[in-house]
């Protein structure tokens, strides 16, 4: 689990550097980001889309289980009434 987290962080840093058009100089050590706001904006958009999809997925699971339980309760009640009448 710890390896996955550290690998994910490294991948995010590399993607941030790639999207921001990073330039690294070693003579006088300097890191320059040409478009840092582009990478931050991209990260926020992806983060937002993830949470929106997670919200609707969770809402669908809750609604689906609720309706399924209600249908099961109705069917069991019908079955019990039918067995009592016989």
C-alpha atoms as a PDB file:
ATOM      1  CA  UNK A   1       0.000   0.000   0.000  1.00  0.00           C
ATOM      2  CA  UNK A   2       2.809   2.417   0.854  1.00  0.00           C
ATOM      3  CA  UNK A   3       4.498   1.668  -2.455  1.00  0.00           C
ATOM      4  CA  UNK A   4       1.311   2.523  -4.351  1.00  0.00           C
ATOM      5  CA  UNK A   5       1.022   5.853  -2.561  1.00  0.00           C
ATOM      6  CA  UNK A   6       4.639   6.826  -3.165  1.00  0.00           C
ATOM      7  CA  UNK A   7       4.411   5.723  -6.803  1.00  0.00           C
ATOM      8  CA  UNK A   8       1.221   7.761  -7.247  1.00  0.00           C
ATOM      9  CA  UNK A   9       2.889  10.842  -5.769  1.00  0.00           C
ATOM     10  CA  UNK A  10       5.887  10.462  -8.075  1.00  0.00           C
ATOM     11  CA  UNK A  11       3.610  10.081 -11.100  1.00  0.00           C
ATOM     12  CA  UNK A  12       1.624  13.183 -10.079  1.00  0.00           C
ATOM     13  CA  UNK A  13       4.824  15.217  -9.737  1.00  0.00           C
ATOM     14  CA  UNK A  14       6.041  14.067 -13.162  1.00  0.00           C
ATOM     15  CA  UNK A  15       2.666  14.889 -14.737  1.00  0.00           C
ATOM     16  CA  UNK A  16       2.646  18.307 -13.053  1.00  0.00           C
ATOM     17  CA  UNK A  17       6.132  19.021 -14.405  1.00  0.00           C
ATOM     18  CA  UNK A  18       5.192  17.809 -17.885  1.00  0.00           C
ATOM     19  CA  UNK A  19       1.973  19.844 -18.106  1.00  0.00           C
ATOM     20  CA  UNK A  20       3.637  22.979 -16.670  1.00  0.00           C
ATOM     21  CA  UNK A  21       6.417  22.831 -19.321  1.00  0.00           C
ATOM     22  CA  UNK A  22       9.180  22.658 -16.729  1.00  0.00           C
ATOM     23  CA  UNK A  23      12.733  23.652 -17.605  1.00  0.00           C
ATOM     24  CA  UNK A  24      15.565  22.584 -15.307  1.00  0.00           C
ATOM     25  CA  UNK A  25      19.049  24.126 -15.470  1.00  0.00           C
ATOM     26  CA  UNK A  26      22.020  22.721 -13.585  1.00  0.00           C
ATOM     27  CA  UNK A  27      24.722  25.335 -14.122  1.00  0.00           C
ATOM     28  CA  UNK A  28      23.090  27.776 -11.744  1.00  0.00           C
ATOM     29  CA  UNK A  29      20.503  25.301 -10.438  1.00  0.00           C
ATOM     30  CA  UNK A  30      17.123  26.653 -11.451  1.00  0.00           C
ATOM     31  CA  UNK A  31      13.685  25.161 -12.039  1.00  0.00           C
ATOM     32  CA  UNK A  32      11.345  27.219 -14.186  1.00  0.00           C
ATOM     33  CA  UNK A  33       7.655  26.493 -14.830  1.00  0.00           C
ATOM     34  CA  UNK A  34       6.371  28.158 -17.988  1.00  0.00           C
ATOM     35  CA  UNK A  35       2.681  27.338 -17.374  1.00  0.00           C
ATOM     36  CA  UNK A  36       2.145  26.485 -13.695  1.00  0.00           C
ATOM     37  CA  UNK A  37      -1.496  27.595 -13.666  1.00  0.00           C
ATOM     38  CA  UNK A  38      -2.336  25.234 -16.520  1.00  0.00           C
ATOM     39  CA  UNK A  39      -1.196  22.221 -14.520  1.00  0.00           C
ATOM     40  CA  UNK A  40      -2.980  23.401 -11.363  1.00  0.00           C
ATOM     41  CA  UNK A  41      -6.175  24.001 -13.354  1.00  0.00           C
ATOM     42  CA  UNK A  42      -5.923  20.588 -14.989  1.00  0.00           C
ATOM     43  CA  UNK A  43      -5.464  18.962 -11.585  1.00  0.00           C
ATOM     44  CA  UNK A  44      -8.509  20.781 -10.157  1.00  0.00           C
ATOM     45  CA  UNK A  45     -10.691  19.831 -13.132  1.00  0.00           C
ATOM     46  CA  UNK A  46      -9.695  16.166 -12.882  1.00  0.00           C
ATOM     47  CA  UNK A  47     -10.240  16.260  -9.107  1.00  0.00           C
ATOM     48  CA  UNK A  48     -13.707  17.787  -9.606  1.00  0.00           C
ATOM     49  CA  UNK A  49     -14.715  15.246 -12.250  1.00  0.00           C
ATOM     50  CA  UNK A  50     -13.583  12.432  -9.952  1.00  0.00           C
ATOM     51  CA  UNK A  51     -15.721  13.670  -7.058  1.00  0.00           C
ATOM     52  CA  UNK A  52     -18.768  14.282  -9.272  1.00  0.00           C
ATOM     53  CA  UNK A  53     -18.580  10.758 -10.695  1.00  0.00           C
ATOM     54  CA  UNK A  54     -18.019   9.307  -7.206  1.00  0.00           C
ATOM     55  CA  UNK A  55     -21.062  11.200  -5.881  1.00  0.00           C
ATOM     56  CA  UNK A  56     -23.366   9.913  -8.627  1.00  0.00           C
ATOM     57  CA  UNK A  57     -21.985   6.383  -8.316  1.00  0.00           C
ATOM     58  CA  UNK A  58     -22.625   6.381  -4.566  1.00  0.00           C
ATOM     59  CA  UNK A  59     -26.076   7.938  -5.010  1.00  0.00           C
ATOM     60  CA  UNK A  60     -26.960   5.235  -7.534  1.00  0.00           C
ATOM     61  CA  UNK A  61     -25.824   2.480  -5.189  1.00  0.00           C
ATOM     62  CA  UNK A  62     -27.868   3.855  -2.295  1.00  0.00           C
ATOM     63  CA  UNK A  63     -30.958   4.404  -4.437  1.00  0.00           C
ATOM     64  CA  UNK A  64     -30.578   1.007  -6.086  1.00  0.00           C
ATOM     65  CA  UNK A  65     -30.221  -0.867  -2.804  1.00  0.00           C
ATOM     66  CA  UNK A  66     -33.132   1.066  -1.275  1.00  0.00           C
ATOM     67  CA  UNK A  67     -35.483   0.276  -4.155  1.00  0.00           C
ATOM     68  CA  UNK A  68     -34.312  -3.337  -4.222  1.00  0.00           C
ATOM     69  CA  UNK A  69     -34.948  -3.762  -0.492  1.00  0.00           C
ATOM     70  CA  UNK A  70     -38.393  -2.178  -0.836  1.00  0.00           C
ATOM     71  CA  UNK A  71     -39.318  -4.539  -3.715  1.00  0.00           C
ATOM     72  CA  UNK A  72     -38.065  -7.511  -1.718  1.00  0.00           C
ATOM     73  CA  UNK A  73     -40.141  -6.445   1.303  1.00  0.00           C
ATOM     74  CA  UNK A  74     -43.274  -6.193  -0.863  1.00  0.00           C
ATOM     75  CA  UNK A  75     -42.683  -9.619  -2.424  1.00  0.00           C
ATOM     76  CA  UNK A  76     -42.039 -11.274   0.938  1.00  0.00           C
ATOM     77  CA  UNK A  77     -45.201  -9.671   2.366  1.00  0.00           C
ATOM     78  CA  UNK A  78     -47.221 -11.002  -0.596  1.00  0.00           C
ATOM     79  CA  UNK A  79     -45.747 -14.457  -0.153  1.00  0.00           C
ATOM     80  CA  UNK A  80     -46.543 -14.480   3.571  1.00  0.00           C
ATOM     81  CA  UNK A  81     -50.147 -13.387   2.933  1.00  0.00           C
ATOM     82  CA  UNK A  82     -50.554 -16.110   0.285  1.00  0.00           C
ATOM     83  CA  UNK A  83     -49.217 -18.814   2.602  1.00  0.00           C
ATOM     84  CA  UNK A  84     -51.505 -17.667   5.446  1.00  0.00           C
ATOM     85  CA  UNK A  85     -54.562 -17.759   3.185  1.00  0.00           C
ATOM     86  CA  UNK A  86     -53.886 -21.361   2.113  1.00  0.00           C
END
